[in-house]
Amino acid sequence: MYAIIATGGKQYKVAEGDIVKVEKLGAEAGAEVVFNNVIAIRDDSLKVGAEVANANVTASVVENGKDKKVIVYKYKRKTGYHKKNGHRQQYTKVKIEKING
């Protein structure tokens, strides 16, 4: 059994027991999070649309952290223009406990 949820502008395929990195949620480690934006659920058959209107996915927060640094380098030839910038995206690691639907 798996579900497809949407959070942080992305979609994730999750099953019970999975550990997933999602965009930062602002919850402390050990807290419980409920994802209400369920797109599809697959158990014996695929359920989408109105069939999953009341479905949700319960997860617990494992940790919060920062991902690896991504280097953004801008360069224009013949003008001497170059700019180097780095970014570390914050994430929340969650463990999927239960798929209700």
N, C-alpha and C. Protein backbone atom coordinates (compact mmCIF):
# COMPACT_ATOMS: atom_id res chain seq x y z
N MET A 1 0.85 -1.18 0.00
CA MET A 1 0.00 0.00 0.00
C MET A 1 0.88 1.23 0.00
N TYR A 2 0.57 2.18 -0.87
CA TYR A 2 1.31 3.43 -0.89
C TYR A 2 0.35 4.59 -1.17
N ALA A 3 0.85 5.80 -0.93
CA ALA A 3 0.08 7.01 -1.19
C ALA A 3 0.99 8.03 -1.86
N ILE A 4 0.38 8.94 -2.58
CA ILE A 4 1.11 10.06 -3.17
C ILE A 4 0.60 11.32 -2.49
N ILE A 5 1.52 12.02 -1.82
CA ILE A 5 1.15 13.24 -1.09
C ILE A 5 1.86 14.43 -1.70
N ALA A 6 1.32 15.62 -1.47
CA ALA A 6 1.92 16.86 -1.96
C ALA A 6 2.23 17.74 -0.76
N THR A 7 3.47 18.19 -0.66
CA THR A 7 3.87 19.13 0.38
C THR A 7 5.09 19.91 -0.10
N GLY A 8 5.13 21.17 0.20
CA GLY A 8 6.28 22.00 -0.18
C GLY A 8 6.43 22.17 -1.68
N GLY A 9 5.35 22.07 -2.44
CA GLY A 9 5.43 22.24 -3.88
C GLY A 9 5.93 21.02 -4.62
N LYS A 10 6.08 19.90 -3.92
CA LYS A 10 6.55 18.66 -4.54
C LYS A 10 5.60 17.52 -4.19
N GLN A 11 5.69 16.43 -4.95
CA GLN A 11 4.88 15.25 -4.69
C GLN A 11 5.80 14.10 -4.31
N TYR A 12 5.36 13.30 -3.34
CA TYR A 12 6.16 12.20 -2.83
C TYR A 12 5.33 10.93 -2.81
N LYS A 13 5.92 9.81 -3.24
CA LYS A 13 5.30 8.50 -3.13
C LYS A 13 5.79 7.89 -1.82
N VAL A 14 4.86 7.61 -0.89
CA VAL A 14 5.24 7.14 0.44
C VAL A 14 4.47 5.87 0.78
N ALA A 15 5.09 5.04 1.59
CA ALA A 15 4.46 3.85 2.15
C ALA A 15 4.72 3.87 3.66
N GLU A 16 3.97 3.07 4.39
CA GLU A 16 4.14 3.04 5.84
C GLU A 16 5.54 2.55 6.19
N GLY A 17 6.22 3.27 7.09
CA GLY A 17 7.57 2.92 7.49
C GLY A 17 8.65 3.65 6.73
N ASP A 18 8.30 4.36 5.64
CA ASP A 18 9.30 5.10 4.86
C ASP A 18 9.79 6.32 5.62
N ILE A 19 11.04 6.70 5.38
CA ILE A 19 11.60 7.94 5.90
C ILE A 19 11.87 8.84 4.71
N VAL A 20 11.27 10.04 4.72
CA VAL A 20 11.30 10.93 3.57
C VAL A 20 11.78 12.31 4.00
N LYS A 21 12.63 12.94 3.16
CA LYS A 21 13.04 14.33 3.37
C LYS A 21 12.08 15.24 2.63
N VAL A 22 11.41 16.15 3.35
CA VAL A 22 10.49 17.11 2.73
C VAL A 22 10.97 18.52 3.06
N GLU A 23 10.37 19.51 2.42
CA GLU A 23 10.68 20.90 2.72
C GLU A 23 10.43 21.16 4.20
N LYS A 24 11.12 22.14 4.78
CA LYS A 24 11.03 22.41 6.20
C LYS A 24 9.58 22.67 6.61
N LEU A 25 9.14 21.97 7.68
CA LEU A 25 7.76 22.07 8.14
C LEU A 25 7.61 22.95 9.38
N GLY A 26 8.66 23.17 10.11
CA GLY A 26 8.57 24.00 11.31
C GLY A 26 8.07 23.23 12.52
N ALA A 27 8.22 21.92 12.53
CA ALA A 27 7.83 21.09 13.67
C ALA A 27 9.09 20.52 14.32
N GLU A 28 9.03 20.36 15.62
CA GLU A 28 10.18 19.83 16.35
C GLU A 28 10.29 18.32 16.19
N ALA A 29 11.47 17.78 16.48
CA ALA A 29 11.68 16.34 16.41
C ALA A 29 10.79 15.64 17.42
N GLY A 30 10.15 14.56 16.98
CA GLY A 30 9.23 13.82 17.84
C GLY A 30 7.78 14.24 17.69
N ALA A 31 7.53 15.36 17.03
CA ALA A 31 6.16 15.84 16.83
C ALA A 31 5.46 15.02 15.75
N GLU A 32 4.14 15.05 15.79
CA GLU A 32 3.35 14.33 14.79
C GLU A 32 2.84 15.34 13.75
N VAL A 33 2.92 14.95 12.47
CA VAL A 33 2.49 15.81 11.37
C VAL A 33 1.46 15.03 10.56
N VAL A 34 0.42 15.76 10.11
CA VAL A 34 -0.62 15.13 9.28
C VAL A 34 -0.61 15.82 7.92
N PHE A 35 -0.46 15.03 6.86
CA PHE A 35 -0.52 15.54 5.49
C PHE A 35 -1.92 15.29 4.96
N ASN A 36 -2.68 16.37 4.70
CA ASN A 36 -4.05 16.25 4.22
C ASN A 36 -4.15 16.28 2.71
N ASN A 37 -3.11 16.76 2.03
CA ASN A 37 -3.15 16.88 0.58
C ASN A 37 -2.70 15.56 -0.05
N VAL A 38 -3.62 14.59 -0.07
CA VAL A 38 -3.34 13.27 -0.64
C VAL A 38 -3.88 13.24 -2.06
N ILE A 39 -3.04 12.86 -3.00
CA ILE A 39 -3.42 12.85 -4.42
C ILE A 39 -3.97 11.49 -4.83
N ALA A 40 -3.33 10.41 -4.35
CA ALA A 40 -3.77 9.07 -4.73
C ALA A 40 -3.37 8.08 -3.64
N ILE A 41 -4.15 6.99 -3.56
CA ILE A 41 -3.84 5.89 -2.65
C ILE A 41 -3.98 4.60 -3.44
N ARG A 42 -3.00 3.71 -3.26
CA ARG A 42 -3.04 2.42 -3.95
C ARG A 42 -2.98 1.32 -2.89
N ASP A 43 -4.04 0.50 -2.79
CA ASP A 43 -3.99 -0.70 -1.97
C ASP A 43 -4.34 -1.89 -2.85
N ASP A 44 -5.59 -2.23 -3.00
CA ASP A 44 -5.98 -3.24 -3.97
C ASP A 44 -6.23 -2.61 -5.33
N SER A 45 -6.76 -1.39 -5.29
CA SER A 45 -7.00 -0.64 -6.53
C SER A 45 -6.55 0.80 -6.31
N LEU A 46 -6.43 1.54 -7.39
CA LEU A 46 -5.99 2.93 -7.30
C LEU A 46 -7.18 3.83 -7.04
N LYS A 47 -7.05 4.69 -6.00
CA LYS A 47 -8.12 5.63 -5.65
C LYS A 47 -7.59 7.04 -5.88
N VAL A 48 -8.34 7.85 -6.62
CA VAL A 48 -7.96 9.23 -6.89
C VAL A 48 -9.20 10.12 -6.82
N GLY A 49 -8.98 11.43 -6.82
CA GLY A 49 -10.09 12.38 -6.90
C GLY A 49 -10.95 12.38 -5.66
N ALA A 50 -12.27 12.25 -5.86
CA ALA A 50 -13.23 12.32 -4.77
C ALA A 50 -13.07 11.14 -3.80
N GLU A 51 -12.52 10.03 -4.25
CA GLU A 51 -12.33 8.87 -3.37
C GLU A 51 -11.32 9.12 -2.26
N VAL A 52 -10.40 10.06 -2.46
CA VAL A 52 -9.38 10.36 -1.45
C VAL A 52 -9.56 11.75 -0.87
N ALA A 53 -10.78 12.29 -0.95
CA ALA A 53 -11.03 13.65 -0.45
C ALA A 53 -10.82 13.73 1.06
N ASN A 54 -11.16 12.68 1.81
CA ASN A 54 -11.03 12.69 3.27
C ASN A 54 -9.80 11.94 3.75
N ALA A 55 -8.93 11.52 2.86
CA ALA A 55 -7.75 10.74 3.24
C ALA A 55 -6.67 11.66 3.80
N ASN A 56 -5.82 11.07 4.65
CA ASN A 56 -4.66 11.79 5.17
C ASN A 56 -3.55 10.80 5.49
N VAL A 57 -2.35 11.33 5.67
CA VAL A 57 -1.18 10.53 6.00
C VAL A 57 -0.58 11.08 7.27
N THR A 58 -0.37 10.22 8.26
CA THR A 58 0.19 10.62 9.53
C THR A 58 1.67 10.26 9.55
N ALA A 59 2.49 11.21 10.01
CA ALA A 59 3.94 10.99 10.07
C ALA A 59 4.49 11.61 11.35
N SER A 60 5.66 11.13 11.76
CA SER A 60 6.34 11.72 12.91
C SER A 60 7.67 12.31 12.44
N VAL A 61 8.03 13.43 13.03
CA VAL A 61 9.26 14.14 12.64
C VAL A 61 10.46 13.45 13.27
N VAL A 62 11.43 13.08 12.42
CA VAL A 62 12.65 12.45 12.90
C VAL A 62 13.69 13.51 13.25
N GLU A 63 13.93 14.44 12.30
CA GLU A 63 14.91 15.50 12.54
C GLU A 63 14.72 16.64 11.56
N ASN A 64 15.29 17.78 11.90
CA ASN A 64 15.37 18.93 11.00
C ASN A 64 16.85 19.14 10.68
N GLY A 65 17.13 19.62 9.47
CA GLY A 65 18.52 19.83 9.12
C GLY A 65 18.68 20.64 7.85
N LYS A 66 19.93 20.72 7.39
CA LYS A 66 20.26 21.42 6.15
C LYS A 66 20.90 20.44 5.19
N ASP A 67 20.53 20.56 3.92
CA ASP A 67 21.07 19.70 2.88
C ASP A 67 22.48 20.13 2.50
N LYS A 68 23.09 19.43 1.54
CA LYS A 68 24.41 19.81 1.05
C LYS A 68 24.34 21.15 0.35
N LYS A 69 25.47 21.85 0.31
CA LYS A 69 25.52 23.15 -0.33
C LYS A 69 25.45 23.00 -1.85
N VAL A 70 24.62 23.84 -2.46
CA VAL A 70 24.49 23.89 -3.91
C VAL A 70 25.16 25.19 -4.36
N ILE A 71 26.08 25.11 -5.29
CA ILE A 71 26.80 26.29 -5.79
C ILE A 71 26.07 26.83 -7.02
N VAL A 72 25.78 28.13 -6.99
CA VAL A 72 25.16 28.81 -8.13
C VAL A 72 26.21 29.76 -8.68
N TYR A 73 26.62 29.57 -9.93
CA TYR A 73 27.67 30.38 -10.53
C TYR A 73 27.13 31.04 -11.79
N LYS A 74 27.14 32.37 -11.79
CA LYS A 74 26.68 33.11 -12.96
C LYS A 74 27.89 33.71 -13.67
N TYR A 75 27.89 33.67 -15.00
CA TYR A 75 29.04 34.10 -15.78
C TYR A 75 28.57 34.64 -17.12
N LYS A 76 29.11 35.78 -17.49
CA LYS A 76 28.86 36.31 -18.83
C LYS A 76 30.20 36.56 -19.49
N ARG A 77 30.39 36.02 -20.66
CA ARG A 77 31.69 36.09 -21.31
C ARG A 77 31.96 37.51 -21.81
N LYS A 78 33.22 37.82 -21.93
CA LYS A 78 33.76 39.06 -22.50
C LYS A 78 33.46 40.32 -21.69
N THR A 79 32.73 40.22 -20.59
CA THR A 79 32.40 41.41 -19.82
C THR A 79 33.07 41.42 -18.45
N GLY A 80 33.65 40.30 -18.05
CA GLY A 80 34.27 40.22 -16.74
C GLY A 80 33.27 39.98 -15.63
N TYR A 81 32.04 39.71 -15.97
CA TYR A 81 31.00 39.49 -14.98
C TYR A 81 30.97 38.03 -14.55
N HIS A 82 31.11 37.81 -13.26
CA HIS A 82 30.90 36.49 -12.69
C HIS A 82 30.49 36.66 -11.24
N LYS A 83 29.61 35.80 -10.80
CA LYS A 83 29.11 35.86 -9.43
C LYS A 83 28.93 34.44 -8.91
N LYS A 84 29.47 34.17 -7.74
CA LYS A 84 29.38 32.85 -7.13
C LYS A 84 28.52 32.97 -5.88
N ASN A 85 27.56 32.06 -5.75
CA ASN A 85 26.66 32.09 -4.62
C ASN A 85 26.38 30.66 -4.18
N GLY A 86 26.18 30.44 -2.90
CA GLY A 86 25.88 29.12 -2.39
C GLY A 86 24.57 29.12 -1.63
N HIS A 87 23.94 27.94 -1.54
CA HIS A 87 22.65 27.84 -0.87
C HIS A 87 22.53 26.46 -0.22
N ARG A 88 22.07 26.43 1.03
CA ARG A 88 21.79 25.16 1.73
C ARG A 88 20.31 25.13 2.07
N GLN A 89 19.59 24.21 1.45
CA GLN A 89 18.15 24.10 1.66
C GLN A 89 17.85 23.39 2.98
N GLN A 90 16.92 23.94 3.76
CA GLN A 90 16.52 23.31 5.00
C GLN A 90 15.47 22.24 4.72
N TYR A 91 15.50 21.15 5.49
CA TYR A 91 14.57 20.06 5.28
C TYR A 91 14.09 19.52 6.62
N THR A 92 13.01 18.75 6.56
CA THR A 92 12.51 18.00 7.70
C THR A 92 12.43 16.54 7.28
N LYS A 93 13.03 15.67 8.07
CA LYS A 93 12.98 14.24 7.78
C LYS A 93 11.83 13.64 8.60
N VAL A 94 10.87 13.00 7.89
CA VAL A 94 9.70 12.45 8.54
C VAL A 94 9.61 10.94 8.30
N LYS A 95 9.03 10.22 9.27
CA LYS A 95 8.77 8.79 9.12
C LYS A 95 7.27 8.60 8.99
N ILE A 96 6.85 7.93 7.92
CA ILE A 96 5.44 7.73 7.65
C ILE A 96 4.91 6.64 8.59
N GLU A 97 3.92 7.00 9.40
CA GLU A 97 3.37 6.06 10.38
C GLU A 97 2.13 5.34 9.84
N LYS A 98 1.17 6.10 9.30
CA LYS A 98 -0.11 5.49 8.92
C LYS A 98 -0.70 6.22 7.73
N ILE A 99 -1.29 5.45 6.81
CA ILE A 99 -2.01 6.00 5.66
C ILE A 99 -3.50 5.74 5.92
N ASN A 100 -4.26 6.81 6.11
CA ASN A 100 -5.69 6.70 6.38
C ASN A 100 -6.46 7.04 5.13
N GLY A 101 -7.21 6.12 4.62
CA GLY A 101 -7.97 6.46 3.41
C GLY A 101 -8.65 5.26 2.91
